[in-house]
Amino acid sequence: MVGVHSDDFSDAALVVLGHGTELNAGSALPAIQHAAALRRRHLFREVREAFWKQSPQIKTVLSELRSERIFIVPLFISEGYFSAGVIPKELGFSFPGDLTIKTQNSELHYCRPVGSHERMTKVILARATEVVKQFPFPRAPKPAETTLFIAGHGTERNANSRKAIEHQVALIREQKIYAGVHAVFMEEDPRIGEIYQQTQTRNLVVVPFFISDGLHVVEDIPVLLGEPEKLVKERHAVGQPTWRNPTEKHGKLVWYSASVGTEPLLSDVILERVREASRGAGAEAPPK
């Protein structure tokens, strides 16, 4: 049985945990954005953003919190090296077996990363719908005339990076909205540059499955999609979009969205991860 207390977070603190980097200020923006959005809902006693690789660092933030319950939600795309390995271990958790720690003053809950949650389907679809609606030239194509590609980093070092995307591909295919739905990767097969050979439709929508609009999203993927590297870097340097929607390549019209991590609906996914942890469902199996 779930107690009434489960969805009452007035005694609790929420920490939105990002990777962070000193090399790119934009990488911190999604964590700041979603923490601010959830703060405005007044559901928690405290809402803070924290990072692994930049200030304010997670251990510093945790030391400053005074709430009875503290929920840490990793704003990561998959259960990978950092979110399921390095970070929980450093904080004293055993992922995925023991995600609760009781201290003298608080009960700490380490939640599963947002990217592996099934509600990410809504986030991806919102991104895909939004970019076509925003740039309907010459007309907004119907989804049934369009192939959707979910673009990830991919890495041979961690299979979970790929699983989260393939899980979403399967969920969206089941809905039969688009003519086709495919996963493509920067560093694994099938590659991002192969999208033009993978589909018969003229209209393609590419949604980057990344948390922030960092260099992979704003430079690397546009180049892999066929834009000249020099032109992409020039556009980025002066603050212009590095991909013009839609761009015609190889007889196809390609729409390219912002990253999933900046979609406002992701705040709801963060909240769902907290609810799961509060109800003791945080140890659910990751998607196969």
Protein backbone atom coordinates (compact mmCIF):
# COMPACT_ATOMS: atom_id res chain seq x y z
CA MET A 1 0.00 0.00 0.00
CA VAL A 2 1.12 3.51 -0.79
CA GLY A 3 0.80 5.89 2.09
CA VAL A 4 -0.67 9.37 1.79
CA HIS A 5 2.78 10.65 2.65
CA SER A 6 4.22 9.37 -0.65
CA ASP A 7 3.07 12.29 -2.79
CA ASP A 8 3.40 14.95 -0.12
CA PHE A 9 6.86 16.47 -0.50
CA SER A 10 6.41 19.51 1.75
CA ASP A 11 9.03 18.04 4.12
CA ALA A 12 11.40 17.11 1.28
CA ALA A 13 14.22 18.58 -0.75
CA LEU A 14 14.73 17.91 -4.45
CA VAL A 15 18.20 18.03 -6.00
CA VAL A 16 18.32 18.10 -9.81
CA LEU A 17 21.75 16.66 -10.51
CA GLY A 18 23.53 17.49 -13.77
CA HIS A 19 26.91 16.38 -15.07
CA GLY A 20 28.24 19.90 -15.62
CA THR A 21 31.52 20.99 -17.11
CA GLU A 22 33.80 24.00 -16.82
CA LEU A 23 34.28 23.89 -20.61
CA ASN A 24 30.73 24.74 -21.68
CA ALA A 25 28.47 26.98 -19.61
CA GLY A 26 25.42 25.83 -21.58
CA SER A 27 25.64 22.29 -20.21
CA ALA A 28 24.34 23.49 -16.83
CA LEU A 29 21.26 25.24 -18.22
CA PRO A 30 18.84 22.26 -18.27
CA ALA A 31 19.43 21.50 -14.58
CA ILE A 32 18.96 25.17 -13.69
CA GLN A 33 15.87 25.40 -15.94
CA HIS A 34 14.09 22.37 -14.50
CA ALA A 35 15.01 23.17 -10.90
CA ALA A 36 13.50 26.63 -11.37
CA ALA A 37 10.35 25.20 -12.98
CA LEU A 38 9.83 22.74 -10.13
CA ARG A 39 10.60 25.42 -7.53
CA ARG A 40 7.73 27.48 -8.95
CA ARG A 41 5.31 24.59 -8.31
CA HIS A 42 5.91 24.81 -4.53
CA LEU A 43 5.76 21.02 -4.14
CA PHE A 44 9.02 20.69 -2.17
CA ARG A 45 10.42 22.41 0.87
CA GLU A 46 13.60 23.08 -1.13
CA VAL A 47 14.67 22.62 -4.75
CA ARG A 48 18.31 22.91 -5.71
CA GLU A 49 20.41 22.25 -8.78
CA ALA A 50 23.79 20.56 -8.30
CA PHE A 51 26.53 19.16 -10.52
CA TRP A 52 29.22 16.53 -10.60
CA LYS A 53 31.84 18.52 -12.51
CA GLN A 54 31.14 22.15 -11.61
CA SER A 55 29.77 24.36 -8.84
CA PRO A 56 27.57 24.03 -6.93
CA GLN A 57 28.83 20.48 -6.48
CA ILE A 58 26.52 17.76 -5.26
CA LYS A 59 28.32 17.05 -1.97
CA THR A 60 28.31 20.75 -1.09
CA VAL A 61 24.60 21.09 -1.82
CA LEU A 62 23.74 17.98 0.21
CA SER A 63 25.65 19.34 3.19
CA GLU A 64 23.53 22.51 3.09
CA LEU A 65 20.10 20.84 3.02
CA ARG A 66 18.07 20.43 6.20
CA SER A 67 14.97 18.61 4.97
CA GLU A 68 13.83 15.28 6.42
CA ARG A 69 13.87 13.63 3.00
CA ILE A 70 16.21 14.45 0.12
CA PHE A 71 15.61 13.19 -3.42
CA ILE A 72 18.50 13.28 -5.89
CA VAL A 73 17.39 12.99 -9.52
CA PRO A 74 20.21 12.49 -12.05
CA LEU A 75 19.55 14.59 -15.15
CA PHE A 76 21.31 12.01 -17.31
CA ILE A 77 20.23 10.35 -20.54
CA SER A 78 20.94 6.74 -19.50
CA GLU A 79 22.04 4.49 -16.66
CA GLY A 80 25.64 4.90 -17.65
CA TYR A 81 29.14 5.26 -16.28
CA PHE A 82 28.46 8.36 -14.19
CA SER A 83 24.77 8.16 -13.27
CA ALA A 84 24.75 4.45 -12.35
CA GLY A 85 28.39 4.00 -11.38
CA VAL A 86 30.70 6.78 -10.25
CA ILE A 87 28.21 9.23 -8.72
CA PRO A 88 26.03 6.89 -6.61
CA LYS A 89 29.15 5.08 -5.37
CA GLU A 90 30.79 8.35 -4.31
CA LEU A 91 27.62 9.39 -2.51
CA GLY A 92 27.40 6.07 -0.65
CA PHE A 93 24.65 4.35 -2.62
CA SER A 94 24.79 0.93 -4.24
CA PHE A 95 23.14 1.18 -7.67
CA PRO A 96 20.64 -0.25 -8.37
CA GLY A 97 20.24 -2.32 -5.22
CA ASP A 98 20.37 0.15 -2.35
CA LEU A 99 19.22 3.65 -3.32
CA THR A 100 18.30 4.91 0.16
CA ILE A 101 20.63 6.13 2.90
CA LYS A 102 19.51 7.13 6.38
CA THR A 103 21.62 9.65 8.25
CA GLN A 104 21.11 11.19 11.68
CA ASN A 105 18.96 13.99 10.25
CA SER A 106 17.77 12.93 6.81
CA GLU A 107 16.76 10.11 4.52
CA LEU A 108 18.48 10.36 1.15
CA HIS A 109 16.99 8.82 -1.99
CA TYR A 110 18.99 8.42 -5.19
CA CYS A 111 16.54 8.20 -8.10
CA ARG A 112 17.05 6.55 -11.47
CA PRO A 113 18.15 8.83 -14.34
CA VAL A 114 15.43 10.65 -16.27
CA GLY A 115 16.47 9.32 -19.69
CA SER A 116 15.40 5.73 -19.06
CA HIS A 117 11.88 6.66 -17.92
CA GLU A 118 9.03 5.67 -20.23
CA ARG A 119 7.59 9.19 -20.04
CA MET A 120 10.53 10.34 -22.16
CA THR A 121 8.33 9.23 -25.08
CA LYS A 122 6.16 12.32 -24.56
CA VAL A 123 9.27 14.50 -24.37
CA ILE A 124 10.62 13.17 -27.68
CA LEU A 125 7.27 13.50 -29.45
CA ALA A 126 6.86 17.05 -28.15
CA ARG A 127 10.25 18.00 -29.56
CA ALA A 128 9.47 16.40 -32.93
CA THR A 129 6.04 18.03 -33.20
CA GLU A 130 7.28 21.43 -32.07
CA VAL A 131 10.13 21.81 -34.58
CA VAL A 132 7.90 21.02 -37.57
CA LYS A 133 5.15 23.32 -36.30
CA GLN A 134 7.66 26.12 -35.75
CA PHE A 135 9.20 25.76 -39.23
CA PRO A 136 6.38 24.54 -41.53
CA PHE A 137 8.05 25.55 -44.81
CA PRO A 138 6.94 24.74 -47.46
CA ARG A 139 4.15 23.13 -45.40
CA ALA A 140 4.08 21.15 -42.19
CA PRO A 141 4.28 17.48 -43.26
CA LYS A 142 1.98 14.96 -41.66
CA PRO A 143 3.67 12.47 -39.31
CA ALA A 144 2.50 9.65 -41.59
CA GLU A 145 4.66 11.25 -44.33
CA THR A 146 7.65 11.60 -42.00
CA THR A 147 10.39 9.41 -40.57
CA LEU A 148 11.52 10.16 -37.01
CA PHE A 149 15.14 9.61 -36.01
CA ILE A 150 16.28 9.67 -32.37
CA ALA A 151 19.96 10.58 -32.37
CA GLY A 152 22.22 9.50 -29.52
CA HIS A 153 25.90 9.50 -28.70
CA GLY A 154 26.39 5.76 -28.50
CA THR A 155 29.48 4.18 -27.05
CA GLU A 156 31.01 0.74 -27.18
CA ARG A 157 31.89 1.13 -23.50
CA ASN A 158 28.34 1.17 -22.16
CA ALA A 159 25.43 -0.72 -23.71
CA ASN A 160 22.88 1.14 -21.56
CA SER A 161 23.56 4.32 -23.50
CA ARG A 162 22.02 2.63 -26.52
CA LYS A 163 19.25 0.77 -24.70
CA ALA A 164 17.48 3.90 -23.49
CA ILE A 165 17.13 5.15 -27.07
CA GLU A 166 16.14 1.81 -28.55
CA HIS A 167 13.50 1.47 -25.84
CA GLN A 168 12.00 4.81 -26.88
CA VAL A 169 12.10 3.82 -30.56
CA ALA A 170 10.07 0.71 -29.73
CA LEU A 171 7.52 2.66 -27.66
CA ILE A 172 7.00 5.28 -30.38
CA ARG A 173 6.76 2.68 -33.14
CA GLU A 174 3.92 1.02 -31.23
CA GLN A 175 1.92 4.24 -31.49
CA LYS A 176 2.09 4.15 -35.32
CA ILE A 177 2.32 7.93 -35.56
CA TYR A 178 5.25 8.18 -37.97
CA ALA A 179 6.00 6.38 -41.22
CA GLY A 180 9.14 5.07 -39.52
CA VAL A 181 11.09 5.48 -36.27
CA HIS A 182 14.81 4.72 -36.00
CA ALA A 183 17.73 5.09 -33.60
CA VAL A 184 20.98 6.54 -34.97
CA PHE A 185 24.27 7.26 -33.21
CA MET A 186 27.40 9.34 -33.37
CA GLU A 187 29.80 6.54 -32.42
CA GLU A 188 27.89 3.33 -33.13
CA ASP A 189 26.00 1.79 -36.03
CA PRO A 190 23.64 2.82 -37.49
CA ARG A 191 25.35 6.17 -37.90
CA ILE A 192 23.66 9.57 -38.01
CA GLY A 193 24.99 10.25 -41.49
CA GLU A 194 23.17 7.17 -42.83
CA ILE A 195 19.64 8.52 -42.29
CA TYR A 196 19.23 9.43 -45.96
CA GLN A 197 19.60 5.79 -46.99
CA GLN A 198 17.37 4.42 -44.22
CA THR A 199 14.01 5.75 -45.34
CA GLN A 200 11.75 6.25 -48.33
CA THR A 201 9.97 9.34 -46.99
CA ARG A 202 10.98 12.81 -48.15
CA ASN A 203 10.47 14.32 -44.69
CA LEU A 204 12.84 13.50 -41.83
CA VAL A 205 12.78 14.77 -38.24
CA VAL A 206 15.89 14.28 -36.10
CA VAL A 207 15.59 14.63 -32.30
CA PRO A 208 18.89 14.61 -30.35
CA PHE A 209 18.62 12.42 -27.24
CA PHE A 210 20.97 14.60 -25.20
CA ILE A 211 20.44 16.58 -22.01
CA SER A 212 21.99 19.88 -23.12
CA ASP A 213 22.46 21.73 -26.37
CA GLY A 214 26.22 21.29 -26.09
CA LEU A 215 28.81 20.91 -28.85
CA HIS A 216 27.59 17.45 -29.85
CA VAL A 217 24.12 18.88 -30.52
CA VAL A 218 24.98 22.26 -32.01
CA GLU A 219 28.11 21.33 -33.99
CA ASP A 220 28.88 17.61 -34.32
CA ILE A 221 25.45 16.31 -35.34
CA PRO A 222 24.74 19.07 -37.91
CA VAL A 223 28.10 18.19 -39.53
CA LEU A 224 27.23 14.47 -39.47
CA LEU A 225 23.91 15.36 -41.13
CA GLY A 226 25.84 16.95 -43.97
CA GLU A 227 26.38 20.63 -43.20
CA PRO A 228 29.92 21.89 -43.94
CA GLU A 229 31.93 22.04 -40.70
CA LYS A 230 33.26 25.53 -41.50
CA LEU A 231 29.73 26.88 -41.99
CA VAL A 232 28.47 25.25 -38.77
CA LYS A 233 31.32 26.74 -36.74
CA GLU A 234 30.81 30.18 -38.30
CA ARG A 235 27.10 30.13 -37.46
CA HIS A 236 27.78 28.97 -33.92
CA ALA A 237 30.42 31.64 -33.37
CA VAL A 238 27.93 34.44 -34.13
CA GLY A 239 25.02 32.86 -32.24
CA GLN A 240 23.03 31.69 -35.26
CA PRO A 241 21.25 28.33 -35.45
CA THR A 242 23.74 25.82 -36.81
CA TRP A 243 20.98 23.98 -38.68
CA ARG A 244 18.33 25.78 -40.74
CA ASN A 245 14.91 24.11 -40.52
CA PRO A 246 14.13 22.47 -42.82
CA THR A 247 17.32 21.90 -44.82
CA GLU A 248 17.25 19.86 -48.03
CA LYS A 249 19.86 17.11 -48.25
CA HIS A 250 19.98 14.25 -50.75
CA GLY A 251 16.45 14.98 -51.89
CA LYS A 252 15.10 14.93 -48.31
CA LEU A 253 13.78 17.74 -46.11
CA VAL A 254 15.36 17.52 -42.66
CA TRP A 255 14.05 19.14 -39.48
CA TYR A 256 16.44 19.07 -36.52
CA SER A 257 15.12 19.84 -33.02
CA ALA A 258 16.70 21.07 -29.81
CA SER A 259 17.84 18.43 -27.31
CA VAL A 260 15.29 16.52 -25.24
CA GLY A 261 16.89 17.81 -22.04
CA THR A 262 15.64 21.36 -22.61
CA GLU A 263 12.00 20.32 -23.24
CA PRO A 264 9.74 21.73 -20.45
CA LEU A 265 7.93 18.37 -20.13
CA LEU A 266 11.12 16.90 -18.68
CA SER A 267 10.22 18.54 -15.35
CA ASP A 268 7.32 16.07 -15.13
CA VAL A 269 9.72 13.15 -15.70
CA ILE A 270 11.91 14.42 -12.84
CA LEU A 271 8.84 14.51 -10.60
CA GLU A 272 7.89 10.97 -11.64
CA ARG A 273 11.34 9.70 -10.61
CA VAL A 274 10.82 11.29 -7.18
CA ARG A 275 7.40 9.67 -6.82
CA GLU A 276 8.85 6.26 -7.70
CA ALA A 277 11.59 6.60 -5.11
CA SER A 278 9.12 7.80 -2.50
CA ARG A 279 6.89 4.79 -3.12
CA GLY A 280 9.81 2.38 -3.03
CA ALA A 281 9.67 1.77 -6.81
CA GLY A 282 13.09 3.20 -7.46
CA ALA A 283 14.63 -0.24 -7.89
CA GLU A 284 12.56 -1.07 -10.98
CA ALA A 285 14.39 -2.84 -13.78
CA PRO A 286 15.82 -0.65 -16.52
CA PRO A 287 14.40 -1.05 -20.05
CA LYS A 288 15.61 -4.09 -21.92
